[in-house]
Structures are given as structure tokens and as C-alpha cells.
């Protein structure tokens, strides 16, 4: 079970993605919506999205909402743009 607030938010979104309620190309809620809905700071909600980005489940373009990533070919060597650009810590 996730222990910190950002891990709980990420786990909830991850479950929605794996269950198909959020599908590839769908937008995630805005970070401000995640924060207010979970009673946490925007930074905490952003950290949850960053975790999912690092896992390859979502794609982030600066200034836009995160979207559910399209599954990649297992042999693909592509690096997500957000990771390559240094948006994920």
C-alpha cells in the first residue's frame, strides 16, 4: 500500500489507467484538481504525476495536461520526451 500522499495519488491514477477508465490519449485531471481533490499541495500532486511519467504511464508536455501514454513496443528504445528534457526528477 502506498504510504505517502503522492504515492497514494499515483496509485489511484495507475489503477484507473490499468483498469481502462483512463485510456491512452486521455488527459489526466489538472494538477490543481488533483491537489484540491486529495487535500494536498500542488507540488505533491505534481510529484505523483512525475512518478507516473517516470514509469512511462503518462506523457507530459510543458504547459499542457499530462496524458495517458500509448503503450510502446517492448523493443522500442525511445525515451519519453519529458524524461529526455529533464522534466522528471
N, C-alpha and C. Protein backbone atom coordinates (compact mmCIF):
# COMPACT_ATOMS: atom_id res chain seq x y z
N UNK A 1 0.85 -1.19 0.00
CA UNK A 1 0.00 0.00 0.00
C UNK A 1 0.89 1.24 0.00
N UNK A 2 0.48 2.23 -0.77
CA UNK A 2 1.23 3.48 -0.85
C UNK A 2 1.18 4.20 0.49
N UNK A 3 2.32 4.76 0.90
CA UNK A 3 2.37 5.36 2.22
C UNK A 3 2.29 6.88 2.21
N UNK A 4 2.90 7.53 1.24
CA UNK A 4 2.88 8.99 1.23
C UNK A 4 1.76 9.49 0.31
N UNK A 5 1.35 10.74 0.52
CA UNK A 5 0.24 11.27 -0.29
C UNK A 5 0.49 11.18 -1.80
N UNK A 6 1.69 11.51 -2.26
CA UNK A 6 1.92 11.46 -3.71
C UNK A 6 1.85 10.03 -4.22
N UNK A 7 2.29 9.07 -3.41
CA UNK A 7 2.22 7.66 -3.81
C UNK A 7 0.77 7.19 -3.87
N UNK A 8 -0.06 7.67 -2.96
CA UNK A 8 -1.48 7.29 -2.98
C UNK A 8 -2.18 7.86 -4.22
N UNK A 9 -1.87 9.10 -4.55
CA UNK A 9 -2.46 9.71 -5.76
C UNK A 9 -2.00 8.94 -6.99
N UNK A 10 -0.70 8.65 -7.07
CA UNK A 10 -0.17 7.91 -8.21
C UNK A 10 -0.81 6.53 -8.30
N UNK A 11 -0.99 5.85 -7.16
CA UNK A 11 -1.60 4.52 -7.15
C UNK A 11 -3.04 4.58 -7.66
N UNK A 12 -3.77 5.63 -7.27
CA UNK A 12 -5.15 5.78 -7.72
C UNK A 12 -5.19 5.98 -9.24
N UNK A 13 -4.34 6.85 -9.75
CA UNK A 13 -4.31 7.10 -11.19
C UNK A 13 -3.82 5.87 -11.95
N UNK A 14 -2.81 5.18 -11.41
CA UNK A 14 -2.29 3.96 -12.03
C UNK A 14 -3.40 2.91 -12.15
N UNK A 15 -4.21 2.77 -11.10
CA UNK A 15 -5.31 1.81 -11.12
C UNK A 15 -6.33 2.19 -12.19
N UNK A 16 -6.63 3.49 -12.32
CA UNK A 16 -7.57 3.94 -13.34
C UNK A 16 -7.03 3.65 -14.74
N UNK A 17 -5.73 3.78 -14.92
CA UNK A 17 -5.11 3.51 -16.22
C UNK A 17 -5.15 2.01 -16.51
N UNK A 18 -4.73 1.20 -15.56
CA UNK A 18 -4.68 -0.25 -15.80
C UNK A 18 -6.07 -0.86 -15.95
N UNK A 19 -7.07 -0.26 -15.29
CA UNK A 19 -8.45 -0.75 -15.39
C UNK A 19 -9.14 -0.26 -16.67
N UNK A 20 -8.50 0.67 -17.39
CA UNK A 20 -9.07 1.16 -18.63
C UNK A 20 -10.02 2.33 -18.47
N UNK A 21 -10.16 2.84 -17.25
CA UNK A 21 -11.02 4.03 -17.07
C UNK A 21 -10.34 5.27 -17.63
N UNK A 22 -9.02 5.29 -17.61
CA UNK A 22 -8.23 6.30 -18.32
C UNK A 22 -7.50 5.55 -19.42
N UNK A 23 -7.74 5.96 -20.65
CA UNK A 23 -7.19 5.24 -21.81
C UNK A 23 -6.08 6.06 -22.48
N UNK A 24 -5.24 5.41 -23.27
CA UNK A 24 -4.18 6.15 -23.96
C UNK A 24 -4.74 7.37 -24.70
N UNK A 25 -4.10 8.50 -24.48
CA UNK A 25 -4.53 9.76 -25.09
C UNK A 25 -5.45 10.58 -24.20
N UNK A 26 -6.04 9.96 -23.17
CA UNK A 26 -6.90 10.71 -22.25
C UNK A 26 -6.07 11.65 -21.39
N UNK A 27 -6.64 12.81 -21.08
CA UNK A 27 -5.97 13.75 -20.19
C UNK A 27 -6.19 13.34 -18.75
N UNK A 28 -5.16 13.48 -17.94
CA UNK A 28 -5.30 13.34 -16.50
C UNK A 28 -5.94 14.61 -15.98
N UNK A 29 -6.54 14.56 -14.79
CA UNK A 29 -7.02 15.81 -14.20
C UNK A 29 -5.84 16.78 -14.05
N UNK A 30 -6.14 18.06 -14.08
CA UNK A 30 -5.09 19.07 -13.88
C UNK A 30 -4.48 18.88 -12.50
N UNK A 31 -3.22 19.24 -12.37
CA UNK A 31 -2.52 19.09 -11.09
C UNK A 31 -3.26 19.84 -9.99
N UNK A 32 -3.81 21.00 -10.30
CA UNK A 32 -4.56 21.75 -9.29
C UNK A 32 -5.82 20.99 -8.86
N UNK A 33 -6.46 20.29 -9.80
CA UNK A 33 -7.63 19.49 -9.46
C UNK A 33 -7.25 18.30 -8.59
N UNK A 34 -6.14 17.65 -8.93
CA UNK A 34 -5.66 16.53 -8.12
C UNK A 34 -5.35 17.00 -6.70
N UNK A 35 -4.69 18.15 -6.61
CA UNK A 35 -4.31 18.68 -5.30
C UNK A 35 -5.54 18.98 -4.46
N UNK A 36 -6.49 19.71 -5.01
CA UNK A 36 -7.67 20.06 -4.22
C UNK A 36 -8.52 18.83 -3.90
N UNK A 37 -8.60 17.90 -4.82
CA UNK A 37 -9.39 16.70 -4.61
C UNK A 37 -8.82 15.77 -3.55
N UNK A 38 -7.51 15.86 -3.34
CA UNK A 38 -6.86 14.99 -2.36
C UNK A 38 -6.39 15.75 -1.12
N UNK A 39 -6.65 17.03 -1.09
CA UNK A 39 -6.27 17.83 0.07
C UNK A 39 -4.78 17.95 0.27
N UNK A 40 -4.05 18.08 -0.84
CA UNK A 40 -2.59 18.19 -0.77
C UNK A 40 -2.14 19.42 -1.55
N UNK A 41 -0.86 19.73 -1.45
CA UNK A 41 -0.31 20.86 -2.20
C UNK A 41 -0.18 20.49 -3.69
N UNK A 42 -0.06 21.52 -4.52
CA UNK A 42 0.15 21.31 -5.94
C UNK A 42 1.46 20.56 -6.17
N UNK A 43 2.47 20.86 -5.37
CA UNK A 43 3.76 20.17 -5.50
C UNK A 43 3.64 18.67 -5.27
N UNK A 44 2.82 18.29 -4.29
CA UNK A 44 2.61 16.87 -4.01
C UNK A 44 1.90 16.20 -5.17
N UNK A 45 0.88 16.85 -5.72
CA UNK A 45 0.17 16.30 -6.87
C UNK A 45 1.09 16.21 -8.08
N UNK A 46 1.93 17.20 -8.27
CA UNK A 46 2.89 17.18 -9.38
C UNK A 46 3.85 16.01 -9.23
N UNK A 47 4.26 15.74 -8.00
CA UNK A 47 5.18 14.62 -7.76
C UNK A 47 4.53 13.29 -8.14
N UNK A 48 3.23 13.15 -7.90
CA UNK A 48 2.51 11.94 -8.29
C UNK A 48 2.53 11.76 -9.81
N UNK A 49 2.28 12.85 -10.53
CA UNK A 49 2.30 12.80 -12.00
C UNK A 49 3.71 12.51 -12.49
N UNK A 50 4.72 13.09 -11.85
CA UNK A 50 6.11 12.84 -12.23
C UNK A 50 6.46 11.37 -12.04
N UNK A 51 5.95 10.75 -10.98
CA UNK A 51 6.21 9.33 -10.75
C UNK A 51 5.61 8.49 -11.88
N UNK A 52 4.40 8.79 -12.28
CA UNK A 52 3.76 8.06 -13.38
C UNK A 52 4.47 8.31 -14.70
N UNK A 53 5.01 9.51 -14.87
CA UNK A 53 5.78 9.82 -16.07
C UNK A 53 7.05 8.98 -16.10
N UNK A 54 7.73 8.88 -14.97
CA UNK A 54 8.95 8.08 -14.89
C UNK A 54 8.66 6.61 -15.16
N UNK A 55 7.47 6.15 -14.80
CA UNK A 55 7.06 4.77 -15.05
C UNK A 55 6.62 4.55 -16.49
N UNK A 56 6.51 5.62 -17.27
CA UNK A 56 6.09 5.51 -18.66
C UNK A 56 4.59 5.40 -18.85
N UNK A 57 3.82 5.63 -17.80
CA UNK A 57 2.36 5.52 -17.92
C UNK A 57 1.71 6.79 -18.45
N UNK A 58 2.35 7.93 -18.23
CA UNK A 58 1.80 9.19 -18.72
C UNK A 58 2.89 9.96 -19.45
N UNK A 59 2.45 10.87 -20.28
CA UNK A 59 3.34 11.73 -21.04
C UNK A 59 3.02 13.18 -20.69
N UNK A 60 4.07 13.97 -20.51
CA UNK A 60 3.87 15.36 -20.12
C UNK A 60 4.58 16.27 -21.11
N UNK A 61 3.87 17.30 -21.53
CA UNK A 61 4.44 18.36 -22.35
C UNK A 61 4.24 19.64 -21.55
N UNK A 62 5.30 20.38 -21.36
CA UNK A 62 5.23 21.58 -20.53
C UNK A 62 4.10 22.50 -20.98
N UNK A 63 3.31 22.96 -20.01
CA UNK A 63 2.22 23.88 -20.30
C UNK A 63 0.92 23.18 -20.67
N UNK A 64 0.92 21.86 -20.72
CA UNK A 64 -0.29 21.10 -21.06
C UNK A 64 -0.53 20.04 -20.00
N UNK A 65 -1.74 19.56 -19.97
CA UNK A 65 -2.08 18.49 -19.04
C UNK A 65 -1.35 17.21 -19.43
N UNK A 66 -1.05 16.42 -18.43
CA UNK A 66 -0.47 15.10 -18.68
C UNK A 66 -1.53 14.23 -19.35
N UNK A 67 -1.09 13.34 -20.22
CA UNK A 67 -1.99 12.41 -20.88
C UNK A 67 -1.50 10.99 -20.64
N UNK A 68 -2.42 10.06 -20.72
CA UNK A 68 -2.06 8.65 -20.61
C UNK A 68 -1.25 8.28 -21.84
N UNK A 69 -0.10 7.69 -21.61
CA UNK A 69 0.81 7.33 -22.71
C UNK A 69 0.26 6.15 -23.49
N UNK A 70 0.61 6.10 -24.76
CA UNK A 70 0.29 4.95 -25.59
C UNK A 70 1.31 3.87 -25.29
N UNK A 71 0.86 2.62 -25.20
CA UNK A 71 1.82 1.54 -24.94
C UNK A 71 2.87 1.52 -26.05
N UNK A 72 4.11 1.29 -25.63
CA UNK A 72 5.19 1.24 -26.62
C UNK A 72 5.57 -0.20 -26.87
N UNK A 73 6.14 -0.41 -28.03
CA UNK A 73 6.68 -1.72 -28.39
C UNK A 73 7.76 -2.08 -27.38
N UNK A 74 7.78 -3.31 -26.90
CA UNK A 74 8.76 -3.73 -25.91
C UNK A 74 10.19 -3.57 -26.41
N UNK A 75 10.38 -3.57 -27.73
CA UNK A 75 11.73 -3.43 -28.30
C UNK A 75 12.10 -1.98 -28.56
N UNK A 76 11.19 -1.07 -28.27
CA UNK A 76 11.43 0.34 -28.52
C UNK A 76 12.53 0.87 -27.60
N UNK A 77 13.37 1.73 -28.15
CA UNK A 77 14.41 2.36 -27.35
C UNK A 77 14.13 3.85 -27.17
N UNK A 78 12.93 4.26 -27.56
CA UNK A 78 12.56 5.67 -27.41
C UNK A 78 12.56 6.06 -25.94
N UNK A 79 12.99 7.28 -25.66
CA UNK A 79 12.94 7.83 -24.32
C UNK A 79 11.82 8.85 -24.30
N UNK A 80 10.91 8.79 -23.31
CA UNK A 80 9.85 9.78 -23.27
C UNK A 80 10.42 11.20 -23.30
N UNK A 81 9.76 12.07 -24.05
CA UNK A 81 10.23 13.45 -24.20
C UNK A 81 10.39 14.11 -22.85
N UNK A 82 9.44 13.91 -21.95
CA UNK A 82 9.51 14.58 -20.65
C UNK A 82 10.73 14.15 -19.87
N UNK A 83 11.13 12.89 -19.99
CA UNK A 83 12.32 12.41 -19.29
C UNK A 83 13.57 12.97 -19.97
N UNK A 84 13.60 12.92 -21.28
CA UNK A 84 14.77 13.38 -22.01
C UNK A 84 14.99 14.88 -21.80
N UNK A 85 13.90 15.63 -21.65
CA UNK A 85 14.01 17.06 -21.49
C UNK A 85 14.30 17.46 -20.03
N UNK A 86 14.33 16.48 -19.14
CA UNK A 86 14.67 16.77 -17.75
C UNK A 86 13.52 17.23 -16.90
N UNK A 87 12.28 16.94 -17.31
CA UNK A 87 11.13 17.37 -16.52
C UNK A 87 10.86 16.44 -15.35
N UNK A 88 11.42 15.25 -15.38
CA UNK A 88 11.20 14.29 -14.31
C UNK A 88 12.43 14.26 -13.44
N UNK A 89 12.23 14.35 -12.14
CA UNK A 89 13.38 14.32 -11.23
C UNK A 89 13.50 12.97 -10.58
